[in-house]
């Protein structure tokens, strides 16, 4: 058993985004919403490989199977991404995937 996590550390104008699981982080800048993370799930892996379409993934019976989680055995590897933050022009938000 484990949990998903999306975290953002901001130091001055540099942000470090850490991510594991299917919780998502988005950046809103100049009216454009950009997805910053990729789900660690069975169906998301198949979509990235071109084996499933987005529509097939939404209906697939394994759509809730997480391939990476914090506290799972064996220990998971998180994904991190550096980003430049421009004061008052970018907003970050995290979203937990719906079940």
C-alpha atoms as a PDB file:
ATOM      1  CA  UNK A   1       0.000   0.000   0.000  1.00  0.00           C
ATOM      2  CA  UNK A   2       1.240   3.498  -0.719  1.00  0.00           C
ATOM      3  CA  UNK A   3       0.162   7.026  -1.544  1.00  0.00           C
ATOM      4  CA  UNK A   4       0.629   9.517  -4.349  1.00  0.00           C
ATOM      5  CA  UNK A   5       2.361  12.861  -3.851  1.00  0.00           C
ATOM      6  CA  UNK A   6       2.976  16.058  -5.759  1.00  0.00           C
ATOM      7  CA  UNK A   7       5.139  18.671  -4.045  1.00  0.00           C
ATOM      8  CA  UNK A   8       6.580  22.014  -5.073  1.00  0.00           C
ATOM      9  CA  UNK A   9       9.547  23.699  -3.372  1.00  0.00           C
ATOM     10  CA  UNK A  10      10.068  27.333  -4.341  1.00  0.00           C
ATOM     11  CA  UNK A  11      13.326  29.092  -3.500  1.00  0.00           C
ATOM     12  CA  UNK A  12      13.510  32.661  -4.811  1.00  0.00           C
ATOM     13  CA  UNK A  13      12.640  32.269  -8.513  1.00  0.00           C
ATOM     14  CA  UNK A  14      13.445  28.571  -8.868  1.00  0.00           C
ATOM     15  CA  UNK A  15      10.866  25.863  -8.280  1.00  0.00           C
ATOM     16  CA  UNK A  16      11.511  22.140  -7.910  1.00  0.00           C
ATOM     17  CA  UNK A  17       8.535  19.913  -8.554  1.00  0.00           C
ATOM     18  CA  UNK A  18       8.561  16.361  -7.180  1.00  0.00           C
ATOM     19  CA  UNK A  19       5.962  13.823  -8.220  1.00  0.00           C
ATOM     20  CA  UNK A  20       5.029  10.189  -7.679  1.00  0.00           C
ATOM     21  CA  UNK A  21       1.762   8.432  -8.574  1.00  0.00           C
ATOM     22  CA  UNK A  22      -1.244   9.898 -10.382  1.00  0.00           C
ATOM     23  CA  UNK A  23      -1.618  13.204  -8.562  1.00  0.00           C
ATOM     24  CA  UNK A  24      -1.033  15.996 -11.052  1.00  0.00           C
ATOM     25  CA  UNK A  25       0.544  19.448 -11.089  1.00  0.00           C
ATOM     26  CA  UNK A  26      -0.395  22.188 -13.520  1.00  0.00           C
ATOM     27  CA  UNK A  27       1.061  25.631 -14.226  1.00  0.00           C
ATOM     28  CA  UNK A  28      -1.191  28.522 -15.176  1.00  0.00           C
ATOM     29  CA  UNK A  29       0.814  31.189 -16.986  1.00  0.00           C
ATOM     30  CA  UNK A  30      -0.570  33.935 -19.213  1.00  0.00           C
ATOM     31  CA  UNK A  31      -3.959  32.227 -19.326  1.00  0.00           C
ATOM     32  CA  UNK A  32      -2.515  28.889 -20.494  1.00  0.00           C
ATOM     33  CA  UNK A  33      -2.866  25.798 -18.291  1.00  0.00           C
ATOM     34  CA  UNK A  34       0.088  23.395 -18.739  1.00  0.00           C
ATOM     35  CA  UNK A  35       0.274  19.874 -17.294  1.00  0.00           C
ATOM     36  CA  UNK A  36       3.700  19.499 -15.640  1.00  0.00           C
ATOM     37  CA  UNK A  37       3.572  15.852 -14.537  1.00  0.00           C
ATOM     38  CA  UNK A  38       2.850  12.479 -16.107  1.00  0.00           C
ATOM     39  CA  UNK A  39       0.713   9.898 -14.324  1.00  0.00           C
ATOM     40  CA  UNK A  40       2.496   6.826 -12.999  1.00  0.00           C
ATOM     41  CA  UNK A  41      -0.284   4.427 -13.924  1.00  0.00           C
ATOM     42  CA  UNK A  42      -0.693   1.341 -16.076  1.00  0.00           C
ATOM     43  CA  UNK A  43      -2.986   3.028 -18.618  1.00  0.00           C
ATOM     44  CA  UNK A  44      -0.872   6.219 -18.816  1.00  0.00           C
ATOM     45  CA  UNK A  45       2.162   4.072 -19.649  1.00  0.00           C
ATOM     46  CA  UNK A  46       0.192   2.373 -22.443  1.00  0.00           C
ATOM     47  CA  UNK A  47      -1.007   5.732 -23.813  1.00  0.00           C
ATOM     48  CA  UNK A  48       2.605   7.025 -23.896  1.00  0.00           C
ATOM     49  CA  UNK A  49       3.635   3.814 -25.723  1.00  0.00           C
ATOM     50  CA  UNK A  50       0.863   4.325 -28.276  1.00  0.00           C
ATOM     51  CA  UNK A  51      -0.917   1.105 -27.265  1.00  0.00           C
ATOM     52  CA  UNK A  52      -4.081   2.807 -25.918  1.00  0.00           C
ATOM     53  CA  UNK A  53      -5.883   5.994 -26.896  1.00  0.00           C
ATOM     54  CA  UNK A  54      -6.876   8.587 -24.266  1.00  0.00           C
ATOM     55  CA  UNK A  55     -10.509   7.481 -24.671  1.00  0.00           C
ATOM     56  CA  UNK A  56      -9.637   3.787 -24.223  1.00  0.00           C
ATOM     57  CA  UNK A  57      -7.602   4.668 -21.116  1.00  0.00           C
ATOM     58  CA  UNK A  58     -10.592   6.484 -19.548  1.00  0.00           C
ATOM     59  CA  UNK A  59     -12.723   3.332 -19.831  1.00  0.00           C
ATOM     60  CA  UNK A  60     -10.081   0.641 -19.271  1.00  0.00           C
ATOM     61  CA  UNK A  61     -10.647  -1.688 -16.336  1.00  0.00           C
ATOM     62  CA  UNK A  62      -7.059  -1.073 -15.135  1.00  0.00           C
ATOM     63  CA  UNK A  63      -7.340   2.751 -15.234  1.00  0.00           C
ATOM     64  CA  UNK A  64      -6.833   2.929 -11.441  1.00  0.00           C
ATOM     65  CA  UNK A  65      -3.723   0.734 -11.302  1.00  0.00           C
ATOM     66  CA  UNK A  66      -0.829   2.860 -10.034  1.00  0.00           C
ATOM     67  CA  UNK A  67       2.676   1.781 -11.102  1.00  0.00           C
ATOM     68  CA  UNK A  68       4.569   4.050  -8.701  1.00  0.00           C
ATOM     69  CA  UNK A  69       3.614   5.189  -5.197  1.00  0.00           C
ATOM     70  CA  UNK A  70       5.261   6.559  -2.097  1.00  0.00           C
ATOM     71  CA  UNK A  71       5.568   3.900   0.611  1.00  0.00           C
ATOM     72  CA  UNK A  72       5.123   0.994  -1.808  1.00  0.00           C
ATOM     73  CA  UNK A  73       7.407  -2.036  -1.861  1.00  0.00           C
ATOM     74  CA  UNK A  74       9.943  -1.896  -3.416  1.00  0.00           C
ATOM     75  CA  UNK A  75      10.632   1.796  -2.794  1.00  0.00           C
ATOM     76  CA  UNK A  76       9.465   4.036  -5.610  1.00  0.00           C
ATOM     77  CA  UNK A  77      11.445   6.504  -7.654  1.00  0.00           C
ATOM     78  CA  UNK A  78       9.930   9.964  -7.875  1.00  0.00           C
ATOM     79  CA  UNK A  79      10.055  12.264 -10.872  1.00  0.00           C
ATOM     80  CA  UNK A  80      11.426  15.758 -10.341  1.00  0.00           C
ATOM     81  CA  UNK A  81      11.558  18.762 -12.615  1.00  0.00           C
ATOM     82  CA  UNK A  82      13.223  22.161 -12.137  1.00  0.00           C
ATOM     83  CA  UNK A  83      11.287  25.228 -13.245  1.00  0.00           C
ATOM     84  CA  UNK A  84      11.850  28.967 -13.290  1.00  0.00           C
ATOM     85  CA  UNK A  85       9.228  30.939 -11.395  1.00  0.00           C
ATOM     86  CA  UNK A  86       8.353  34.440 -12.480  1.00  0.00           C
ATOM     87  CA  UNK A  87       6.697  36.338  -9.592  1.00  0.00           C
ATOM     88  CA  UNK A  88       3.027  37.174 -10.115  1.00  0.00           C
ATOM     89  CA  UNK A  89       2.892  35.504 -13.551  1.00  0.00           C
ATOM     90  CA  UNK A  90       2.678  31.809 -12.713  1.00  0.00           C
ATOM     91  CA  UNK A  91       0.338  29.836 -10.502  1.00  0.00           C
ATOM     92  CA  UNK A  92       0.847  26.188  -9.598  1.00  0.00           C
ATOM     93  CA  UNK A  93      -1.879  23.796  -8.526  1.00  0.00           C
ATOM     94  CA  UNK A  94      -1.953  20.118  -7.701  1.00  0.00           C
ATOM     95  CA  UNK A  95      -4.841  17.788  -8.444  1.00  0.00           C
ATOM     96  CA  UNK A  96      -5.488  14.269  -7.247  1.00  0.00           C
ATOM     97  CA  UNK A  97      -6.715  11.978  -9.997  1.00  0.00           C
ATOM     98  CA  UNK A  98     -10.378  11.083  -9.788  1.00  0.00           C
ATOM     99  CA  UNK A  99     -11.244   7.481  -9.094  1.00  0.00           C
END
